[in-house]
Amino acid sequence: MTKMITKNKKYQSFEEIETDLKILKLKKQIDGLYLKNNVSDLKDNLSVKNIVSNTFTNIGFSFLNPKTRWINLIVDYAIYFLLRRKR
């Protein structure tokens, strides 16, 4: 079980302080890697290639369910045009 580092913790030695600092540094690195991975996934998901691919996939599946066909097309094209405008 991991010890939680609290704001008002009273340290008995410099070794305890250094240990907590190492733990915080590792947590920061893990959070940074997690964020970097999420940003990379987001960029991949919002790429023009992926949006176009998803559009054609949605068109194919939408023929099975006509109610969602127009909604999927509108959402995909809206995202595509918003991304093009920001460039």
PDB file of N, CA and C in Angstrom:
ATOM      1  N   MET A   1       0.848  -1.178   0.000  1.00  0.00           N
ATOM      2  CA  MET A   1       0.000   0.000   0.000  1.00  0.00           C
ATOM      3  C   MET A   1       0.895   1.243   0.000  1.00  0.00           C
ATOM      4  N   THR A   2       0.540   2.240  -0.760  1.00  0.00           N
ATOM      5  CA  THR A   2       1.343   3.445  -0.892  1.00  0.00           C
ATOM      6  C   THR A   2       0.989   4.449   0.197  1.00  0.00           C
ATOM      7  N   LYS A   3       2.031   5.058   0.759  1.00  0.00           N
ATOM      8  CA  LYS A   3       1.801   6.119   1.746  1.00  0.00           C
ATOM      9  C   LYS A   3       1.407   7.393   1.015  1.00  0.00           C
ATOM     10  N   MET A   4       0.435   8.056   1.532  1.00  0.00           N
ATOM     11  CA  MET A   4       0.011   9.329   0.955  1.00  0.00           C
ATOM     12  C   MET A   4       0.854  10.451   1.551  1.00  0.00           C
ATOM     13  N   ILE A   5       1.243  11.387   0.725  1.00  0.00           N
ATOM     14  CA  ILE A   5       2.006  12.538   1.182  1.00  0.00           C
ATOM     15  C   ILE A   5       1.004  13.641   1.488  1.00  0.00           C
ATOM     16  N   THR A   6       0.976  14.082   2.723  1.00  0.00           N
ATOM     17  CA  THR A   6       0.022  15.113   3.124  1.00  0.00           C
ATOM     18  C   THR A   6       0.711  16.465   3.214  1.00  0.00           C
ATOM     19  N   LYS A   7      -0.082  17.518   3.181  1.00  0.00           N
ATOM     20  CA  LYS A   7       0.465  18.875   3.223  1.00  0.00           C
ATOM     21  C   LYS A   7       1.126  19.180   4.565  1.00  0.00           C
ATOM     22  N   ASN A   8       0.537  18.728   5.630  1.00  0.00           N
ATOM     23  CA  ASN A   8       1.017  19.088   6.965  1.00  0.00           C
ATOM     24  C   ASN A   8       1.862  17.992   7.606  1.00  0.00           C
ATOM     25  N   LYS A   9       2.507  17.202   6.808  1.00  0.00           N
ATOM     26  CA  LYS A   9       3.317  16.112   7.337  1.00  0.00           C
ATOM     27  C   LYS A   9       4.549  16.681   8.037  1.00  0.00           C
ATOM     28  N   LYS A  10       4.859  16.111   9.192  1.00  0.00           N
ATOM     29  CA  LYS A  10       6.057  16.518   9.922  1.00  0.00           C
ATOM     30  C   LYS A  10       7.126  15.460   9.707  1.00  0.00           C
ATOM     31  N   TYR A  11       8.224  15.907   9.179  1.00  0.00           N
ATOM     32  CA  TYR A  11       9.314  14.991   8.858  1.00  0.00           C
ATOM     33  C   TYR A  11      10.256  14.842  10.040  1.00  0.00           C
ATOM     34  N   GLN A  12      10.776  13.633  10.176  1.00  0.00           N
ATOM     35  CA  GLN A  12      11.714  13.335  11.256  1.00  0.00           C
ATOM     36  C   GLN A  12      13.162  13.396  10.781  1.00  0.00           C
ATOM     37  N   SER A  13      13.363  13.296   9.459  1.00  0.00           N
ATOM     38  CA  SER A  13      14.733  13.316   8.938  1.00  0.00           C
ATOM     39  C   SER A  13      14.731  13.835   7.500  1.00  0.00           C
ATOM     40  N   PHE A  14      15.929  14.180   7.049  1.00  0.00           N
ATOM     41  CA  PHE A  14      16.077  14.624   5.664  1.00  0.00           C
ATOM     42  C   PHE A  14      15.834  13.464   4.703  1.00  0.00           C
ATOM     43  N   GLU A  15      16.102  12.269   5.152  1.00  0.00           N
ATOM     44  CA  GLU A  15      15.876  11.087   4.326  1.00  0.00           C
ATOM     45  C   GLU A  15      14.389  10.947   3.971  1.00  0.00           C
ATOM     46  N   GLU A  16      13.515  11.213   4.910  1.00  0.00           N
ATOM     47  CA  GLU A  16      12.070  11.170   4.647  1.00  0.00           C
ATOM     48  C   GLU A  16      11.678  12.228   3.617  1.00  0.00           C
ATOM     49  N   ILE A  17      12.268  13.402   3.746  1.00  0.00           N
ATOM     50  CA  ILE A  17      11.981  14.485   2.796  1.00  0.00           C
ATOM     51  C   ILE A  17      12.437  14.083   1.396  1.00  0.00           C
ATOM     52  N   GLU A  18      13.655  13.548   1.302  1.00  0.00           N
ATOM     53  CA  GLU A  18      14.188  13.139   0.007  1.00  0.00           C
ATOM     54  C   GLU A  18      13.356  12.020  -0.611  1.00  0.00           C
ATOM     55  N   THR A  19      12.898  11.097   0.219  1.00  0.00           N
ATOM     56  CA  THR A  19      12.061  10.005  -0.279  1.00  0.00           C
ATOM     57  C   THR A  19      10.756  10.546  -0.855  1.00  0.00           C
ATOM     58  N   ASP A  20      10.118  11.448  -0.131  1.00  0.00           N
ATOM     59  CA  ASP A  20       8.872  12.039  -0.626  1.00  0.00           C
ATOM     60  C   ASP A  20       9.102  12.856  -1.896  1.00  0.00           C
ATOM     61  N   LEU A  21      10.227  13.557  -1.963  1.00  0.00           N
ATOM     62  CA  LEU A  21      10.540  14.325  -3.173  1.00  0.00           C
ATOM     63  C   LEU A  21      10.750  13.402  -4.372  1.00  0.00           C
ATOM     64  N   LYS A  22      11.404  12.267  -4.154  1.00  0.00           N
ATOM     65  CA  LYS A  22      11.594  11.297  -5.234  1.00  0.00           C
ATOM     66  C   LYS A  22      10.252  10.745  -5.708  1.00  0.00           C
ATOM     67  N   ILE A  23       9.383  10.448  -4.736  1.00  0.00           N
ATOM     68  CA  ILE A  23       8.052   9.935  -5.081  1.00  0.00           C
ATOM     69  C   ILE A  23       7.283  10.967  -5.901  1.00  0.00           C
ATOM     70  N   LEU A  24       7.312  12.214  -5.462  1.00  0.00           N
ATOM     71  CA  LEU A  24       6.606  13.273  -6.189  1.00  0.00           C
ATOM     72  C   LEU A  24       7.184  13.477  -7.589  1.00  0.00           C
ATOM     73  N   LYS A  25       8.506  13.375  -7.704  1.00  0.00           N
ATOM     74  CA  LYS A  25       9.146  13.524  -9.009  1.00  0.00           C
ATOM     75  C   LYS A  25       8.703  12.403  -9.953  1.00  0.00           C
ATOM     76  N   LEU A  26       8.654  11.172  -9.437  1.00  0.00           N
ATOM     77  CA  LEU A  26       8.213  10.049 -10.259  1.00  0.00           C
ATOM     78  C   LEU A  26       6.743  10.191 -10.658  1.00  0.00           C
ATOM     79  N   LYS A  27       5.910  10.639  -9.726  1.00  0.00           N
ATOM     80  CA  LYS A  27       4.498  10.859 -10.045  1.00  0.00           C
ATOM     81  C   LYS A  27       4.351  11.924 -11.127  1.00  0.00           C
ATOM     82  N   LYS A  28       5.172  12.961 -11.046  1.00  0.00           N
ATOM     83  CA  LYS A  28       5.131  14.028 -12.051  1.00  0.00           C
ATOM     84  C   LYS A  28       5.532  13.480 -13.421  1.00  0.00           C
ATOM     85  N   GLN A  29       6.570  12.631 -13.450  1.00  0.00           N
ATOM     86  CA  GLN A  29       7.007  12.039 -14.712  1.00  0.00           C
ATOM     87  C   GLN A  29       5.924  11.134 -15.301  1.00  0.00           C
ATOM     88  N   ILE A  30       5.291  10.346 -14.443  1.00  0.00           N
ATOM     89  CA  ILE A  30       4.217   9.458 -14.901  1.00  0.00           C
ATOM     90  C   ILE A  30       3.062  10.274 -15.463  1.00  0.00           C
ATOM     91  N   ASP A  31       2.676  11.332 -14.757  1.00  0.00           N
ATOM     92  CA  ASP A  31       1.589  12.191 -15.237  1.00  0.00           C
ATOM     93  C   ASP A  31       1.953  12.851 -16.564  1.00  0.00           C
ATOM     94  N   GLY A  32       3.223  13.253 -16.703  1.00  0.00           N
ATOM     95  CA  GLY A  32       3.677  13.855 -17.957  1.00  0.00           C
ATOM     96  C   GLY A  32       3.595  12.873 -19.114  1.00  0.00           C
ATOM     97  N   LEU A  33       4.023  11.631 -18.878  1.00  0.00           N
ATOM     98  CA  LEU A  33       3.948  10.610 -19.921  1.00  0.00           C
ATOM     99  C   LEU A  33       2.498  10.285 -20.273  1.00  0.00           C
ATOM    100  N   TYR A  34       1.648  10.236 -19.262  1.00  0.00           N
ATOM    101  CA  TYR A  34       0.228   9.968 -19.484  1.00  0.00           C
ATOM    102  C   TYR A  34      -0.390  11.084 -20.335  1.00  0.00           C
ATOM    103  N   LEU A  35      -0.065  12.328 -20.009  1.00  0.00           N
ATOM    104  CA  LEU A  35      -0.586  13.464 -20.767  1.00  0.00           C
ATOM    105  C   LEU A  35      -0.066  13.445 -22.201  1.00  0.00           C
ATOM    106  N   LYS A  36       1.228  13.162 -22.357  1.00  0.00           N
ATOM    107  CA  LYS A  36       1.830  13.110 -23.685  1.00  0.00           C
ATOM    108  C   LYS A  36       1.153  12.035 -24.541  1.00  0.00           C
ATOM    109  N   ASN A  37       0.882  10.891 -23.929  1.00  0.00           N
ATOM    110  CA  ASN A  37       0.212   9.803 -24.640  1.00  0.00           C
ATOM    111  C   ASN A  37      -1.209  10.200 -25.040  1.00  0.00           C
ATOM    112  N   ASN A  38      -1.920  10.867 -24.144  1.00  0.00           N
ATOM    113  CA  ASN A  38      -3.285  11.295 -24.454  1.00  0.00           C
ATOM    114  C   ASN A  38      -3.310  12.337 -25.564  1.00  0.00           C
ATOM    115  N   VAL A  39      -2.353  13.260 -25.554  1.00  0.00           N
ATOM    116  CA  VAL A  39      -2.279  14.279 -26.611  1.00  0.00           C
ATOM    117  C   VAL A  39      -1.988  13.610 -27.950  1.00  0.00           C
ATOM    118  N   SER A  40      -1.087  12.635 -27.936  1.00  0.00           N
ATOM    119  CA  SER A  40      -0.766  11.909 -29.163  1.00  0.00           C
ATOM    120  C   SER A  40      -1.988  11.166 -29.697  1.00  0.00           C
ATOM    121  N   ASP A  41      -2.718  10.510 -28.804  1.00  0.00           N
ATOM    122  CA  ASP A  41      -3.941   9.811 -29.217  1.00  0.00           C
ATOM    123  C   ASP A  41      -4.969  10.787 -29.776  1.00  0.00           C
ATOM    124  N   LEU A  42      -5.093  11.950 -29.148  1.00  0.00           N
ATOM    125  CA  LEU A  42      -6.048  12.953 -29.609  1.00  0.00           C
ATOM    126  C   LEU A  42      -5.680  13.450 -31.003  1.00  0.00           C
ATOM    127  N   LYS A  43      -4.385  13.703 -31.226  1.00  0.00           N
ATOM    128  CA  LYS A  43      -3.939  14.150 -32.552  1.00  0.00           C
ATOM    129  C   LYS A  43      -4.248  13.094 -33.609  1.00  0.00           C
ATOM    130  N   ASP A  44      -4.007  11.820 -33.254  1.00  0.00           N
ATOM    131  CA  ASP A  44      -4.304  10.744 -34.200  1.00  0.00           C
ATOM    132  C   ASP A  44      -5.796  10.668 -34.501  1.00  0.00           C
ATOM    133  N   ASN A  45      -6.610  10.802 -33.470  1.00  0.00           N
ATOM    134  CA  ASN A  45      -8.058  10.700 -33.656  1.00  0.00           C
ATOM    135  C   ASN A  45      -8.625  11.870 -34.443  1.00  0.00           C
ATOM    136  N   LEU A  46      -7.992  13.034 -34.357  1.00  0.00           N
ATOM    137  CA  LEU A  46      -8.494  14.216 -35.053  1.00  0.00           C
ATOM    138  C   LEU A  46      -7.796  14.474 -36.384  1.00  0.00           C
ATOM    139  N   SER A  47      -6.991  13.528 -36.836  1.00  0.00           N
ATOM    140  CA  SER A  47      -6.326  13.712 -38.122  1.00  0.00           C
ATOM    141  C   SER A  47      -7.358  13.637 -39.246  1.00  0.00           C
ATOM    142  N   VAL A  48      -7.075  14.336 -40.323  1.00  0.00           N
ATOM    143  CA  VAL A  48      -7.991  14.370 -41.463  1.00  0.00           C
ATOM    144  C   VAL A  48      -8.192  12.958 -42.001  1.00  0.00           C
ATOM    145  N   LYS A  49      -7.106  12.199 -42.061  1.00  0.00           N
ATOM    146  CA  LYS A  49      -7.182  10.825 -42.569  1.00  0.00           C
ATOM    147  C   LYS A  49      -8.150   9.995 -41.730  1.00  0.00           C
ATOM    148  N   ASN A  50      -8.058  10.113 -40.423  1.00  0.00           N
ATOM    149  CA  ASN A  50      -8.920   9.343 -39.530  1.00  0.00           C
ATOM    150  C   ASN A  50     -10.372   9.803 -39.629  1.00  0.00           C
ATOM    151  N   ILE A  51     -10.574  11.104 -39.725  1.00  0.00           N
ATOM    152  CA  ILE A  51     -11.944  11.628 -39.832  1.00  0.00           C
ATOM    153  C   ILE A  51     -12.595  11.158 -41.127  1.00  0.00           C
ATOM    154  N   VAL A  52     -11.847  11.213 -42.227  1.00  0.00           N
ATOM    155  CA  VAL A  52     -12.392  10.757 -43.508  1.00  0.00           C
ATOM    156  C   VAL A  52     -12.692   9.263 -43.445  1.00  0.00           C
ATOM    157  N   SER A  53     -11.768   8.512 -42.870  1.00  0.00           N
ATOM    158  CA  SER A  53     -11.970   7.068 -42.727  1.00  0.00           C
ATOM    159  C   SER A  53     -13.212   6.768 -41.899  1.00  0.00           C
ATOM    160  N   ASN A  54     -13.367   7.488 -40.785  1.00  0.00           N
ATOM    161  CA  ASN A  54     -14.545   7.283 -39.937  1.00  0.00           C
ATOM    162  C   ASN A  54     -15.826   7.687 -40.653  1.00  0.00           C
ATOM    163  N   THR A  55     -15.732   8.714 -41.485  1.00  0.00           N
ATOM    164  CA  THR A  55     -16.912   9.150 -42.231  1.00  0.00           C
ATOM    165  C   THR A  55     -17.391   8.039 -43.154  1.00  0.00           C
ATOM    166  N   PHE A  56     -16.450   7.449 -43.897  1.00  0.00           N
ATOM    167  CA  PHE A  56     -16.844   6.382 -44.814  1.00  0.00           C
ATOM    168  C   PHE A  56     -17.316   5.141 -44.061  1.00  0.00           C
ATOM    169  N   THR A  57     -16.717   4.874 -42.923  1.00  0.00           N
ATOM    170  CA  THR A  57     -17.178   3.755 -42.096  1.00  0.00           C
ATOM    171  C   THR A  57     -18.594   4.018 -41.606  1.00  0.00           C
ATOM    172  N   ASN A  58     -18.828   5.244 -41.147  1.00  0.00           N
ATOM    173  CA  ASN A  58     -20.168   5.595 -40.668  1.00  0.00           C
ATOM    174  C   ASN A  58     -21.200   5.543 -41.788  1.00  0.00           C
ATOM    175  N   ILE A  59     -20.793   5.941 -42.979  1.00  0.00           N
ATOM    176  CA  ILE A  59     -21.725   5.868 -44.108  1.00  0.00           C
ATOM    177  C   ILE A  59     -22.104   4.413 -44.361  1.00  0.00           C
ATOM    178  N   GLY A  60     -21.108   3.536 -44.313  1.00  0.00           N
ATOM    179  CA  GLY A  60     -21.378   2.116 -44.533  1.00  0.00           C
ATOM    180  C   GLY A  60     -22.319   1.550 -43.495  1.00  0.00           C
ATOM    181  N   PHE A  61     -22.077   1.845 -42.220  1.00  0.00           N
ATOM    182  CA  PHE A  61     -22.932   1.321 -41.159  1.00  0.00           C
ATOM    183  C   PHE A  61     -24.270   2.053 -41.088  1.00  0.00           C
ATOM    184  N   SER A  62     -24.292   3.286 -41.549  1.00  0.00           N
ATOM    185  CA  SER A  62     -25.531   4.057 -41.426  1.00  0.00           C
ATOM    186  C   SER A  62     -26.626   3.532 -42.345  1.00  0.00           C
ATOM    187  N   PHE A  63     -26.244   2.840 -43.401  1.00  0.00           N
ATOM    188  CA  PHE A  63     -27.274   2.262 -44.257  1.00  0.00           C
ATOM    189  C   PHE A  63     -28.046   1.172 -43.526  1.00  0.00           C
ATOM    190  N   LEU A  64     -27.407   0.594 -42.516  1.00  0.00           N
ATOM    191  CA  LEU A  64     -28.106  -0.392 -41.696  1.00  0.00           C
ATOM    192  C   LEU A  64     -29.068   0.288 -40.731  1.00  0.00           C
ATOM    193  N   ASN A  65     -28.739   1.519 -40.323  1.00  0.00           N
ATOM    194  CA  ASN A  65     -29.582   2.271 -39.392  1.00  0.00           C
ATOM    195  C   ASN A  65     -29.735   3.696 -39.928  1.00  0.00           C
ATOM    196  N   PRO A  66     -30.717   3.960 -40.752  1.00  0.00           N
ATOM    197  CA  PRO A  66     -30.858   5.268 -41.403  1.00  0.00           C
ATOM    198  C   PRO A  66     -31.062   6.436 -40.446  1.00  0.00           C
ATOM    199  N   LYS A  67     -31.528   6.171 -39.234  1.00  0.00           N
ATOM    200  CA  LYS A  67     -31.764   7.268 -38.292  1.00  0.00           C
ATOM    201  C   LYS A  67     -30.472   7.989 -37.927  1.00  0.00           C
ATOM    202  N   THR A  68     -29.381   7.247 -37.846  1.00  0.00           N
ATOM    203  CA  THR A  68     -28.115   7.858 -37.427  1.00  0.00           C
ATOM    204  C   THR A  68     -27.273   8.342 -38.596  1.00  0.00           C
ATOM    205  N   ARG A  69     -27.659   8.020 -39.804  1.00  0.00           N
ATOM    206  CA  ARG A  69     -26.844   8.353 -40.967  1.00  0.00           C
ATOM    207  C   ARG A  69     -26.570   9.843 -41.064  1.00  0.00           C
ATOM    208  N   TRP A  70     -27.589  10.653 -41.003  1.00  0.00           N
ATOM    209  CA  TRP A  70     -27.416  12.089 -41.180  1.00  0.00           C
ATOM    210  C   TRP A  70     -26.704  12.721 -39.996  1.00  0.00           C
ATOM    211  N   ILE A  71     -26.977  12.241 -38.822  1.00  0.00           N
ATOM    212  CA  ILE A  71     -26.301  12.781 -37.634  1.00  0.00           C
ATOM    213  C   ILE A  71     -24.803  12.528 -37.723  1.00  0.00           C
ATOM    214  N   ASN A  72     -24.417  11.307 -38.082  1.00  0.00           N
ATOM    215  CA  ASN A  72     -22.995  10.979 -38.207  1.00  0.00           C
ATOM    216  C   ASN A  72     -22.315  11.827 -39.271  1.00  0.00           C
ATOM    217  N   LEU A  73     -22.967  11.984 -40.402  1.00  0.00           N
ATOM    218  CA  LEU A  73     -22.380  12.790 -41.474  1.00  0.00           C
ATOM    219  C   LEU A  73     -22.204  14.241 -41.052  1.00  0.00           C
ATOM    220  N   ILE A  74     -23.209  14.801 -40.426  1.00  0.00           N
ATOM    221  CA  ILE A  74     -23.144  16.202 -40.003  1.00  0.00           C
ATOM    222  C   ILE A  74     -22.035  16.409 -38.984  1.00  0.00           C
ATOM    223  N   VAL A  75     -21.936  15.530 -38.014  1.00  0.00           N
ATOM    224  CA  VAL A  75     -20.900  15.658 -36.982  1.00  0.00           C
ATOM    225  C   VAL A  75     -19.515  15.523 -37.598  1.00  0.00           C
ATOM    226  N   ASP A  76     -19.317  14.526 -38.456  1.00  0.00           N
ATOM    227  CA  ASP A  76     -18.006  14.334 -39.078  1.00  0.00           C
ATOM    228  C   ASP A  76     -17.593  15.532 -39.929  1.00  0.00           C
ATOM    229  N   TYR A  77     -18.500  16.046 -40.734  1.00  0.00           N
ATOM    230  CA  TYR A  77     -18.162  17.197 -41.564  1.00  0.00           C
ATOM    231  C   TYR A  77     -17.955  18.460 -40.733  1.00  0.00           C
ATOM    232  N   ALA A  78     -18.706  18.620 -39.674  1.00  0.00           N
ATOM    233  CA  ALA A  78     -18.516  19.783 -38.803  1.00  0.00           C
ATOM    234  C   ALA A  78     -17.123  19.756 -38.182  1.00  0.00           C
ATOM    235  N   ILE A  79     -16.708  18.611 -37.693  1.00  0.00           N
ATOM    236  CA  ILE A  79     -15.365  18.487 -37.109  1.00  0.00           C
ATOM    237  C   ILE A  79     -14.310  18.749 -38.168  1.00  0.00           C
ATOM    238  N   TYR A  80     -14.497  18.195 -39.350  1.00  0.00           N
ATOM    239  CA  TYR A  80     -13.538  18.380 -40.432  1.00  0.00           C
ATOM    240  C   TYR A  80     -13.378  19.860 -40.789  1.00  0.00           C
ATOM    241  N   PHE A  81     -14.480  20.570 -40.947  1.00  0.00           N
ATOM    242  CA  PHE A  81     -14.398  21.981 -41.316  1.00  0.00           C
ATOM    243  C   PHE A  81     -13.851  22.836 -40.184  1.00  0.00           C
ATOM    244  N   LEU A  82     -14.156  22.497 -38.941  1.00  0.00           N
ATOM    245  CA  LEU A  82     -13.583  23.234 -37.812  1.00  0.00           C
ATOM    246  C   LEU A  82     -12.072  23.063 -37.759  1.00  0.00           C
ATOM    247  N   LEU A  83     -11.597  21.865 -38.012  1.00  0.00           N
ATOM    248  CA  LEU A  83     -10.153  21.626 -38.005  1.00  0.00           C
ATOM    249  C   LEU A  83      -9.471  22.341 -39.160  1.00  0.00           C
ATOM    250  N   ARG A  84     -10.099  22.378 -40.310  1.00  0.00           N
ATOM    251  CA  ARG A  84      -9.515  23.072 -41.457  1.00  0.00           C
ATOM    252  C   ARG A  84      -9.432  24.565 -41.205  1.00  0.00           C
ATOM    253  N   ARG A  85     -10.427  25.127 -40.517  1.00  0.00           N
ATOM    254  CA  ARG A  85     -10.444  26.570 -40.245  1.00  0.00           C
ATOM    255  C   ARG A  85      -9.315  26.981 -39.320  1.00  0.00           C
ATOM    256  N   LYS A  86      -8.953  26.134 -38.379  1.00  0.00           N
ATOM    257  CA  LYS A  86      -7.936  26.491 -37.391  1.00  0.00           C
ATOM    258  C   LYS A  86      -6.532  26.464 -37.964  1.00  0.00           C
ATOM    259  N   ARG A  87      -6.332  25.814 -39.083  1.00  0.00           N
ATOM    260  CA  ARG A  87      -4.989  25.723 -39.674  1.00  0.00           C
ATOM    261  C   ARG A  87      -4.616  26.970 -40.321  1.00  0.00           C
TER     262      ARG A  87
END
